Amino acid sequence: MSAEFTPRFPSMDEVARLTAQANAMRARAVVDLVARVAGGIKTLFSAVLEGRDNARVFAELQGMDDRLLHDIGITRGDIIAVANGLKTGRDIANENRAALSSAAPRPAA
């Protein structure tokens, strides 16, 4: 009961169809790769520009005297946070104060 194996060779149409599918898949993979690389370069470029801006802001704030810093509402200890775009303790306190003042009054207990 042995079955004899007879090889089946694909027709020229099947070979052409499979080749076209493989080429389309390869093209999609290349496009995806290029898009990912471009996205990574864009992210890197943005980070470099942001770092330059932060360094410029830091240098400008460091060059100010304490009175001028006080006039704009920051302390010398806040300079790094402000240069990096972070909120200082004073900013957070002001936001909390504003949120509390705009909230509806609580009924008396």
C-alpha atoms as a PDB file:
ATOM      1  CA  MET A   1       0.000   0.000   0.000  1.00  0.00           C
ATOM      2  CA  SER A   2       2.625   2.482  -0.832  1.00  0.00           C
ATOM      3  CA  ALA A   3       1.542   5.573  -2.613  1.00  0.00           C
ATOM      4  CA  GLU A   4       3.872   6.818  -5.214  1.00  0.00           C
ATOM      5  CA  PHE A   5       4.900  10.439  -4.829  1.00  0.00           C
ATOM      6  CA  THR A   6       4.632  12.538  -7.911  1.00  0.00           C
ATOM      7  CA  PRO A   7       6.041  16.021  -7.602  1.00  0.00           C
ATOM      8  CA  ARG A   8       3.876  18.926  -8.672  1.00  0.00           C
ATOM      9  CA  PHE A   9       5.573  21.903 -10.181  1.00  0.00           C
ATOM     10  CA  PRO A  10       3.845  25.298 -10.095  1.00  0.00           C
ATOM     11  CA  SER A  11       2.714  26.760 -13.336  1.00  0.00           C
ATOM     12  CA  MET A  12       4.269  29.918 -14.722  1.00  0.00           C
ATOM     13  CA  ASP A  13       1.155  31.858 -13.694  1.00  0.00           C
ATOM     14  CA  GLU A  14       1.486  30.643 -10.090  1.00  0.00           C
ATOM     15  CA  VAL A  15       5.176  31.566 -10.040  1.00  0.00           C
ATOM     16  CA  ALA A  16       4.375  35.033 -11.402  1.00  0.00           C
ATOM     17  CA  ARG A  17       1.566  35.542  -8.851  1.00  0.00           C
ATOM     18  CA  LEU A  18       3.738  34.441  -5.923  1.00  0.00           C
ATOM     19  CA  THR A  19       6.625  36.599  -7.144  1.00  0.00           C
ATOM     20  CA  ALA A  20       4.324  39.623  -7.369  1.00  0.00           C
ATOM     21  CA  GLN A  21       3.031  38.973  -3.836  1.00  0.00           C
ATOM     22  CA  ALA A  22       6.578  38.652  -2.496  1.00  0.00           C
ATOM     23  CA  ASN A  23       7.608  41.886  -4.206  1.00  0.00           C
ATOM     24  CA  ALA A  24       4.579  43.721  -2.762  1.00  0.00           C
ATOM     25  CA  MET A  25       5.329  42.415   0.729  1.00  0.00           C
ATOM     26  CA  ARG A  26       8.982  43.442   0.403  1.00  0.00           C
ATOM     27  CA  ALA A  27       7.970  46.929  -0.773  1.00  0.00           C
ATOM     28  CA  ARG A  28       5.609  47.334   2.233  1.00  0.00           C
ATOM     29  CA  ALA A  29       8.374  46.210   4.588  1.00  0.00           C
ATOM     30  CA  VAL A  30      10.814  48.736   3.103  1.00  0.00           C
ATOM     31  CA  VAL A  31       8.248  51.533   3.379  1.00  0.00           C
ATOM     32  CA  ASP A  32       7.560  50.602   7.019  1.00  0.00           C
ATOM     33  CA  LEU A  33      11.285  50.523   7.779  1.00  0.00           C
ATOM     34  CA  VAL A  34      11.886  53.914   6.174  1.00  0.00           C
ATOM     35  CA  ALA A  35       8.911  55.389   8.068  1.00  0.00           C
ATOM     36  CA  ARG A  36      10.230  54.057  11.390  1.00  0.00           C
ATOM     37  CA  VAL A  37      13.740  55.348  10.729  1.00  0.00           C
ATOM     38  CA  ALA A  38      12.353  58.745   9.701  1.00  0.00           C
ATOM     39  CA  GLY A  39      10.217  58.844  12.859  1.00  0.00           C
ATOM     40  CA  GLY A  40      13.266  58.043  14.981  1.00  0.00           C
ATOM     41  CA  ILE A  41      15.294  60.772  13.296  1.00  0.00           C
ATOM     42  CA  LYS A  42      12.464  63.246  13.825  1.00  0.00           C
ATOM     43  CA  THR A  43      12.237  62.318  17.514  1.00  0.00           C
ATOM     44  CA  LEU A  44      15.999  62.670  17.916  1.00  0.00           C
ATOM     45  CA  PHE A  45      16.027  66.024  16.115  1.00  0.00           C
ATOM     46  CA  SER A  46      13.179  67.306  18.313  1.00  0.00           C
ATOM     47  CA  ALA A  47      15.015  66.203  21.456  1.00  0.00           C
ATOM     48  CA  VAL A  48      18.190  67.986  20.354  1.00  0.00           C
ATOM     49  CA  LEU A  49      16.270  71.194  19.607  1.00  0.00           C
ATOM     50  CA  GLU A  50      14.437  71.001  22.928  1.00  0.00           C
ATOM     51  CA  GLY A  51      17.729  70.497  24.735  1.00  0.00           C
ATOM     52  CA  ARG A  52      19.193  73.565  23.028  1.00  0.00           C
ATOM     53  CA  ASP A  53      16.157  75.636  23.976  1.00  0.00           C
ATOM     54  CA  ASN A  54      16.325  74.415  27.572  1.00  0.00           C
ATOM     55  CA  ALA A  55      20.027  75.281  27.748  1.00  0.00           C
ATOM     56  CA  ARG A  56      19.328  78.778  26.390  1.00  0.00           C
ATOM     57  CA  VAL A  57      16.547  79.384  28.927  1.00  0.00           C
ATOM     58  CA  PHE A  58      18.742  78.037  31.726  1.00  0.00           C
ATOM     59  CA  ALA A  59      21.629  80.342  30.766  1.00  0.00           C
ATOM     60  CA  GLU A  60      19.327  83.371  30.577  1.00  0.00           C
ATOM     61  CA  LEU A  61      17.773  82.655  33.974  1.00  0.00           C
ATOM     62  CA  GLN A  62      21.163  81.965  35.567  1.00  0.00           C
ATOM     63  CA  GLY A  63      22.321  85.388  34.355  1.00  0.00           C
ATOM     64  CA  MET A  64      19.502  87.180  36.205  1.00  0.00           C
ATOM     65  CA  ASP A  65      19.894  88.506  39.720  1.00  0.00           C
ATOM     66  CA  ASP A  66      17.700  87.230  42.557  1.00  0.00           C
ATOM     67  CA  ARG A  67      15.468  90.321  42.571  1.00  0.00           C
ATOM     68  CA  LEU A  68      14.655  89.942  38.887  1.00  0.00           C
ATOM     69  CA  LEU A  69      13.964  86.230  39.355  1.00  0.00           C
ATOM     70  CA  HIS A  70      11.628  87.098  42.242  1.00  0.00           C
ATOM     71  CA  ASP A  71       9.853  89.632  39.985  1.00  0.00           C
ATOM     72  CA  ILE A  72       9.054  86.907  37.445  1.00  0.00           C
ATOM     73  CA  GLY A  73       7.951  84.545  40.199  1.00  0.00           C
ATOM     74  CA  ILE A  74      10.731  82.005  40.471  1.00  0.00           C
ATOM     75  CA  THR A  75      13.609  81.332  42.818  1.00  0.00           C
ATOM     76  CA  ARG A  76      17.161  80.380  41.903  1.00  0.00           C
ATOM     77  CA  GLY A  77      16.299  76.824  42.944  1.00  0.00           C
ATOM     78  CA  ASP A  78      13.465  76.755  40.376  1.00  0.00           C
ATOM     79  CA  ILE A  79      15.717  77.553  37.406  1.00  0.00           C
ATOM     80  CA  ILE A  80      16.430  73.954  36.394  1.00  0.00           C
ATOM     81  CA  ALA A  81      12.743  72.996  36.580  1.00  0.00           C
ATOM     82  CA  VAL A  82      11.645  76.093  34.649  1.00  0.00           C
ATOM     83  CA  ALA A  83      14.329  75.561  31.988  1.00  0.00           C
ATOM     84  CA  ASN A  84      13.125  71.987  31.505  1.00  0.00           C
ATOM     85  CA  GLY A  85       9.498  73.066  31.219  1.00  0.00           C
ATOM     86  CA  LEU A  86       8.455  71.615  34.556  1.00  0.00           C
ATOM     87  CA  LYS A  87       6.052  73.283  36.950  1.00  0.00           C
ATOM     88  CA  THR A  88       7.563  74.686  40.083  1.00  0.00           C
ATOM     89  CA  GLY A  89       6.105  74.281  43.541  1.00  0.00           C
ATOM     90  CA  ARG A  90       4.682  77.804  43.327  1.00  0.00           C
ATOM     91  CA  ASP A  91       2.887  76.999  40.028  1.00  0.00           C
ATOM     92  CA  ILE A  92       1.328  73.882  41.511  1.00  0.00           C
ATOM     93  CA  ALA A  93       0.259  75.754  44.643  1.00  0.00           C
ATOM     94  CA  ASN A  94      -1.346  78.502  42.528  1.00  0.00           C
ATOM     95  CA  GLU A  95      -3.218  75.912  40.442  1.00  0.00           C
ATOM     96  CA  ASN A  96      -4.492  74.211  43.584  1.00  0.00           C
ATOM     97  CA  ARG A  97      -5.538  77.546  45.074  1.00  0.00           C
ATOM     98  CA  ALA A  98      -7.406  78.474  41.867  1.00  0.00           C
ATOM     99  CA  ALA A  99      -9.113  75.080  41.763  1.00  0.00           C
ATOM    100  CA  LEU A 100     -10.228  75.406  45.380  1.00  0.00           C
ATOM    101  CA  SER A 101     -11.542  78.941  44.920  1.00  0.00           C
ATOM    102  CA  SER A 102     -13.584  77.964  41.853  1.00  0.00           C
ATOM    103  CA  ALA A 103     -15.035  74.835  43.466  1.00  0.00           C
ATOM    104  CA  ALA A 104     -18.592  74.933  44.756  1.00  0.00           C
ATOM    105  CA  PRO A 105     -18.780  75.663  48.488  1.00  0.00           C
ATOM    106  CA  ARG A 106     -19.309  72.640  50.692  1.00  0.00           C
ATOM    107  CA  PRO A 107     -22.424  72.533  52.824  1.00  0.00           C
ATOM    108  CA  ALA A 108     -21.932  73.096  56.533  1.00  0.00           C
ATOM    109  CA  ALA A 109     -21.683  69.932  58.569  1.00  0.00           C
END
